[in-house]
Amino acid sequence: MAKTFKQGTERSSDTVLIVDALNLAFRYKHSGVKDFAETYVNTVKSLAQSYKAGRVIITADKGSSSYRLGLSDQYKISRKEKYANQTEADKQKFLEFMEEYENTLDLLADEFPVLRFDKVEADDIAAHLVKHKDKYGLGEIWLISTDGDWDLLISDSVSRWAYTTRKEFRLDNWDTHYNITPEEFISLKCLMGDKGDDVAGISGVGPKTAEKLIKQYGSALDIYDALPLPGKYVYIQKLNDSGDMIPLNYELMDLITYCDDAIGSSNCEEIERRMCS
């Protein structure tokens, strides 16, 4: 039987650790460790102790998001192509890694709530928990992930720790990582796209150009409403020609706004049941 939130956590602190399960597992894949399940669980416990977290929630992908694939059939398509083009030896190594990952989730489920739903991504589950943190009685939240997309969730009570760099991303040190505000971060992503997820951006618009456009016009939706923009620069012409992708990019990447849609109503109800029981 799956653990409820209260059954799988000590409530000595309101601080919550939300773990991006597959993301953290890749730590062991990249280092060549094959049998990592027990080490993984101990790592989570150690992180919980370091952040004085009385609660731990494991969020896990289970396939690519059906919601986003419904919006764009190109979503994460390069990952599928990369896997299809692997050698048989590499495929076997990946299968062995995934088998150990599943063993790890089983061990984690003995200790903590594991939230995982078919065709739903951990990003959206984490966003749902952050979005409804007051309803679920969550206090300070630490996100454990190297995925910069999770910085869309940062606020005065939500921060992220990345194991690759061992850096913390907090609201009070945001300016050391980014040249735009947290509120502007989604606009930056909508203009630039996300190569890792095969979300196309505006051709010729990199970070500096995106920052300039945001400072001049406002959010990416404000930029969209202002189209066509005046100017002869190539990136302006590209923006005028392909600016229609901006609303789609919001739906693909704005985690807080669309996380509940991406999770689905029945799965949201299951999360609420487990969190509130």
Protein backbone atom coordinates (compact mmCIF):
# COMPACT_ATOMS: atom_id res chain seq x y z
CA MET A 1 0.00 0.00 0.00
CA ALA A 2 1.37 3.43 -0.93
CA LYS A 3 2.33 5.62 1.98
CA THR A 4 0.35 8.75 2.65
CA PHE A 5 2.25 11.96 3.25
CA LYS A 6 1.88 11.78 7.02
CA GLN A 7 2.70 8.08 7.22
CA GLY A 8 6.01 8.49 5.43
CA THR A 9 7.43 11.52 7.19
CA GLU A 10 8.57 12.77 10.56
CA ARG A 11 6.76 15.97 11.45
CA SER A 12 9.43 17.52 13.68
CA SER A 13 9.95 20.34 11.17
CA ASP A 14 7.81 22.14 8.60
CA THR A 15 10.72 22.17 6.14
CA VAL A 16 10.06 19.90 3.15
CA LEU A 17 12.52 18.20 0.81
CA ILE A 18 11.08 17.55 -2.69
CA VAL A 19 13.32 15.21 -4.65
CA ASP A 20 13.48 14.95 -8.45
CA ALA A 21 13.93 11.18 -8.36
CA LEU A 22 15.22 10.31 -11.83
CA ASN A 23 17.35 13.44 -11.96
CA LEU A 24 19.16 12.44 -8.77
CA ALA A 25 19.52 8.86 -10.01
CA PHE A 26 21.53 10.09 -12.98
CA ARG A 27 24.18 11.12 -10.47
CA TYR A 28 25.00 7.43 -10.10
CA LYS A 29 24.64 6.62 -13.79
CA HIS A 30 27.14 9.29 -14.78
CA SER A 31 29.60 8.09 -12.14
CA GLY A 32 29.30 4.48 -13.33
CA VAL A 33 27.79 3.13 -10.10
CA LYS A 34 25.47 0.19 -10.83
CA ASP A 35 24.12 -0.84 -7.41
CA PHE A 36 23.07 2.49 -5.95
CA ALA A 37 19.64 1.96 -4.39
CA GLU A 38 20.74 1.92 -0.73
CA THR A 39 23.26 4.71 -1.29
CA TYR A 40 20.55 6.80 -2.93
CA VAL A 41 18.18 6.39 0.03
CA ASN A 42 20.98 7.30 2.44
CA THR A 43 21.78 10.37 0.34
CA VAL A 44 18.17 11.56 0.60
CA LYS A 45 18.23 11.02 4.36
CA SER A 46 21.50 12.93 4.61
CA LEU A 47 20.09 15.84 2.60
CA ALA A 48 16.99 15.88 4.77
CA GLN A 49 19.21 16.08 7.83
CA SER A 50 21.38 18.82 6.31
CA TYR A 51 18.34 20.97 5.56
CA LYS A 52 16.62 20.00 8.82
CA ALA A 53 13.69 18.75 6.78
CA GLY A 54 11.02 16.93 8.74
CA ARG A 55 9.27 15.93 5.54
CA VAL A 56 10.50 14.31 2.35
CA ILE A 57 8.48 13.81 -0.84
CA ILE A 58 9.79 11.88 -3.83
CA THR A 59 8.52 13.03 -7.22
CA ALA A 60 9.17 10.70 -10.14
CA ASP A 61 8.65 10.77 -13.90
CA LYS A 62 6.81 7.93 -15.57
CA GLY A 63 7.31 8.58 -19.27
CA SER A 64 7.10 11.88 -21.12
CA SER A 65 4.20 14.19 -20.41
CA SER A 66 1.12 13.22 -22.42
CA TYR A 67 -0.14 16.77 -21.87
CA ARG A 68 2.87 18.34 -23.60
CA LEU A 69 2.97 15.70 -26.32
CA GLY A 70 -0.63 16.67 -27.02
CA LEU A 71 0.51 20.24 -27.52
CA SER A 72 3.60 19.43 -29.60
CA ASP A 73 4.63 16.14 -31.17
CA GLN A 74 8.20 17.44 -31.18
CA TYR A 75 8.38 17.54 -27.39
CA LYS A 76 11.49 15.60 -26.27
CA ILE A 77 11.66 13.91 -29.66
CA SER A 78 15.46 14.05 -29.76
CA ARG A 79 15.63 11.88 -26.63
CA LYS A 80 13.62 9.18 -28.37
CA GLU A 81 15.86 9.43 -31.43
CA LYS A 82 18.99 9.28 -29.26
CA TYR A 83 17.75 6.12 -27.56
CA ALA A 84 16.76 4.55 -30.90
CA ASN A 85 20.27 5.16 -32.22
CA GLN A 86 22.07 3.66 -29.24
CA THR A 87 24.26 0.60 -29.64
CA GLU A 88 22.90 -2.62 -28.19
CA ALA A 89 25.52 -2.40 -25.44
CA ASP A 90 24.42 1.12 -24.49
CA LYS A 91 20.77 0.06 -24.52
CA GLN A 92 21.58 -2.79 -22.17
CA LYS A 93 23.43 -0.46 -19.80
CA PHE A 94 20.46 1.90 -19.80
CA LEU A 95 18.02 -0.94 -19.10
CA GLU A 96 20.20 -2.07 -16.19
CA PHE A 97 20.27 1.49 -14.86
CA MET A 98 16.47 1.77 -15.09
CA GLU A 99 16.06 -1.57 -13.31
CA GLU A 100 18.17 -0.31 -10.43
CA TYR A 101 16.24 2.96 -10.49
CA GLU A 102 12.97 1.03 -10.07
CA ASN A 103 14.56 -0.86 -7.15
CA THR A 104 15.50 2.51 -5.69
CA LEU A 105 11.92 3.80 -5.93
CA ASP A 106 10.72 0.66 -4.13
CA LEU A 107 13.18 1.29 -1.30
CA LEU A 108 12.26 4.95 -1.14
CA ALA A 109 8.57 4.04 -0.90
CA ASP A 110 9.34 2.17 2.33
CA GLU A 111 10.55 5.44 3.84
CA PHE A 112 8.81 8.30 2.05
CA PRO A 113 5.77 9.11 -0.09
CA VAL A 114 6.57 8.54 -3.76
CA LEU A 115 4.34 10.52 -6.14
CA ARG A 116 4.40 9.01 -9.64
CA PHE A 117 1.76 8.82 -12.35
CA ASP A 118 1.71 7.43 -15.87
CA LYS A 119 2.70 9.99 -18.54
CA VAL A 120 3.29 12.68 -15.88
CA GLU A 121 6.63 14.34 -15.18
CA ALA A 122 8.19 15.13 -11.82
CA ASP A 123 8.40 18.83 -12.76
CA ASP A 124 4.62 19.11 -12.72
CA ILE A 125 4.20 17.17 -9.49
CA ALA A 126 6.74 19.44 -7.77
CA ALA A 127 5.00 22.50 -9.23
CA HIS A 128 1.64 21.23 -7.97
CA LEU A 129 3.04 20.83 -4.45
CA VAL A 130 4.51 24.33 -4.55
CA LYS A 131 1.35 25.85 -6.04
CA HIS A 132 -0.84 24.30 -3.33
CA LYS A 133 1.70 24.41 -0.50
CA ASP A 134 -0.62 26.27 1.87
CA LYS A 135 -3.45 23.78 1.34
CA TYR A 136 -1.02 20.94 2.04
CA GLY A 137 0.52 22.67 5.04
CA LEU A 138 4.01 22.80 3.57
CA GLY A 139 6.51 25.19 5.06
CA GLU A 140 9.93 26.02 3.61
CA ILE A 141 10.62 23.84 0.56
CA TRP A 142 13.96 22.65 -0.78
CA LEU A 143 13.89 21.26 -4.32
CA ILE A 144 16.60 18.66 -5.01
CA SER A 145 17.29 18.76 -8.75
CA THR A 146 19.87 19.92 -11.27
CA ASP A 147 17.04 20.91 -13.63
CA GLY A 148 17.07 24.69 -14.07
CA ASP A 149 13.41 24.55 -15.10
CA TRP A 150 12.64 24.05 -11.42
CA ASP A 151 13.83 27.62 -10.80
CA LEU A 152 10.40 28.63 -12.12
CA LEU A 153 9.18 27.48 -8.69
CA ILE A 154 11.54 29.57 -6.56
CA SER A 155 10.01 32.03 -4.12
CA ASP A 156 10.77 33.37 -0.65
CA SER A 157 9.92 29.94 0.77
CA VAL A 158 11.06 27.69 -2.11
CA SER A 159 14.72 27.09 -3.04
CA ARG A 160 16.69 24.58 -5.12
CA TRP A 161 19.92 22.64 -4.54
CA ALA A 162 21.88 21.21 -7.49
CA TYR A 163 24.13 18.23 -6.74
CA THR A 164 26.37 18.77 -9.80
CA THR A 165 27.51 22.24 -8.75
CA ARG A 166 26.54 21.96 -5.07
CA LYS A 167 24.99 25.40 -5.45
CA GLU A 168 21.83 26.72 -3.87
CA PHE A 169 19.37 28.74 -5.91
CA ARG A 170 17.39 30.96 -3.55
CA LEU A 171 15.33 34.10 -3.91
CA ASP A 172 17.92 36.05 -1.93
CA ASN A 173 20.79 35.02 -4.26
CA TRP A 174 18.77 35.00 -7.50
CA ASP A 175 20.76 37.92 -8.92
CA THR A 176 23.99 35.93 -8.73
CA HIS A 177 22.52 33.40 -11.19
CA TYR A 178 20.26 35.47 -13.47
CA ASN A 179 20.06 38.94 -14.98
CA ILE A 180 16.26 38.99 -14.95
CA THR A 181 13.74 38.77 -12.12
CA PRO A 182 12.07 35.52 -11.06
CA GLU A 183 8.82 36.81 -12.57
CA GLU A 184 10.59 37.37 -15.91
CA PHE A 185 12.21 33.92 -15.98
CA ILE A 186 9.31 32.23 -17.79
CA SER A 187 9.38 34.96 -20.44
CA LEU A 188 13.09 34.34 -20.99
CA LYS A 189 12.39 30.64 -21.50
CA CYS A 190 9.45 31.28 -23.85
CA LEU A 191 11.59 33.46 -26.08
CA MET A 192 14.67 31.22 -26.04
CA GLY A 193 12.94 27.84 -25.99
CA ASP A 194 14.48 24.76 -24.42
CA LYS A 195 16.79 22.63 -26.55
CA GLY A 196 16.85 19.87 -23.96
CA ASP A 197 13.09 19.39 -24.28
CA ASP A 198 12.92 20.24 -28.01
CA VAL A 199 10.87 23.36 -27.39
CA ALA A 200 11.76 25.76 -30.19
CA GLY A 201 12.63 29.37 -29.39
CA ILE A 202 12.84 32.44 -31.59
CA SER A 203 15.76 32.03 -33.99
CA GLY A 204 18.58 34.42 -33.15
CA VAL A 205 17.25 35.25 -29.68
CA GLY A 206 19.77 34.32 -27.01
CA PRO A 207 19.87 35.36 -23.35
CA LYS A 208 21.07 38.94 -23.91
CA THR A 209 18.58 39.65 -26.68
CA ALA A 210 15.74 38.07 -24.69
CA GLU A 211 16.64 40.16 -21.65
CA LYS A 212 16.68 43.30 -23.82
CA LEU A 213 13.24 42.51 -25.28
CA ILE A 214 11.78 41.82 -21.83
CA LYS A 215 13.14 45.08 -20.41
CA GLN A 216 11.76 47.01 -23.40
CA TYR A 217 8.33 45.43 -23.85
CA GLY A 218 7.53 43.44 -20.69
CA SER A 219 6.60 39.77 -20.56
CA ALA A 220 6.79 37.43 -23.54
CA LEU A 221 3.00 37.72 -23.83
CA ASP A 222 3.33 41.51 -23.90
CA ILE A 223 5.86 41.07 -26.69
CA TYR A 224 3.44 38.77 -28.50
CA ASP A 225 0.65 41.35 -28.17
CA ALA A 226 2.98 44.05 -29.58
CA LEU A 227 3.80 42.10 -32.77
CA PRO A 228 4.88 43.06 -35.36
CA LEU A 229 7.77 44.90 -33.74
CA PRO A 230 9.52 47.73 -35.60
CA GLY A 231 13.14 47.28 -36.62
CA LYS A 232 15.39 45.77 -39.25
CA TYR A 233 17.48 43.49 -37.09
CA VAL A 234 17.30 39.87 -38.20
CA TYR A 235 16.05 38.71 -34.77
CA ILE A 236 13.20 41.25 -34.99
CA GLN A 237 12.17 39.82 -38.35
CA LYS A 238 12.40 36.28 -36.99
CA LEU A 239 10.31 37.31 -33.99
CA ASN A 240 7.67 38.88 -36.24
CA ASP A 241 7.63 35.78 -38.44
CA SER A 242 7.49 33.13 -35.68
CA GLY A 243 6.12 34.98 -32.66
CA ASP A 244 3.00 32.81 -32.75
CA MET A 245 4.98 30.12 -30.92
CA ILE A 246 5.11 32.26 -27.76
CA PRO A 247 1.67 31.28 -26.35
CA LEU A 248 2.42 27.63 -27.09
CA ASN A 249 5.75 27.89 -25.29
CA TYR A 250 3.95 29.23 -22.23
CA GLU A 251 1.74 26.14 -22.19
CA LEU A 252 4.76 23.89 -22.63
CA MET A 253 6.97 25.51 -20.00
CA ASP A 254 4.95 27.51 -17.45
CA LEU A 255 4.90 24.90 -14.70
CA ILE A 256 2.90 26.78 -12.08
CA THR A 257 0.08 27.78 -14.44
CA TYR A 258 -0.36 24.44 -16.21
CA CYS A 259 0.89 21.81 -13.74
CA ASP A 260 -2.59 20.70 -12.70
CA ASP A 261 -3.63 20.29 -16.33
CA ALA A 262 -0.48 18.29 -17.00
CA ILE A 263 -1.09 16.02 -14.01
CA GLY A 264 -4.79 15.47 -14.69
CA SER A 265 -7.73 15.90 -12.33
CA SER A 266 -7.85 12.31 -11.04
CA ASN A 267 -4.12 12.32 -10.26
CA CYS A 268 -4.43 15.70 -8.54
CA GLU A 269 -7.18 14.21 -6.39
CA GLU A 270 -4.90 11.30 -5.53
CA ILE A 271 -2.12 13.68 -4.50
CA GLU A 272 -4.57 15.62 -2.33
CA ARG A 273 -5.83 12.41 -0.75
CA ARG A 274 -2.30 11.29 0.12
CA MET A 275 -1.18 14.70 1.31
CA CYS A 276 -4.20 15.39 3.48
CA SER A 277 -4.97 11.93 4.88
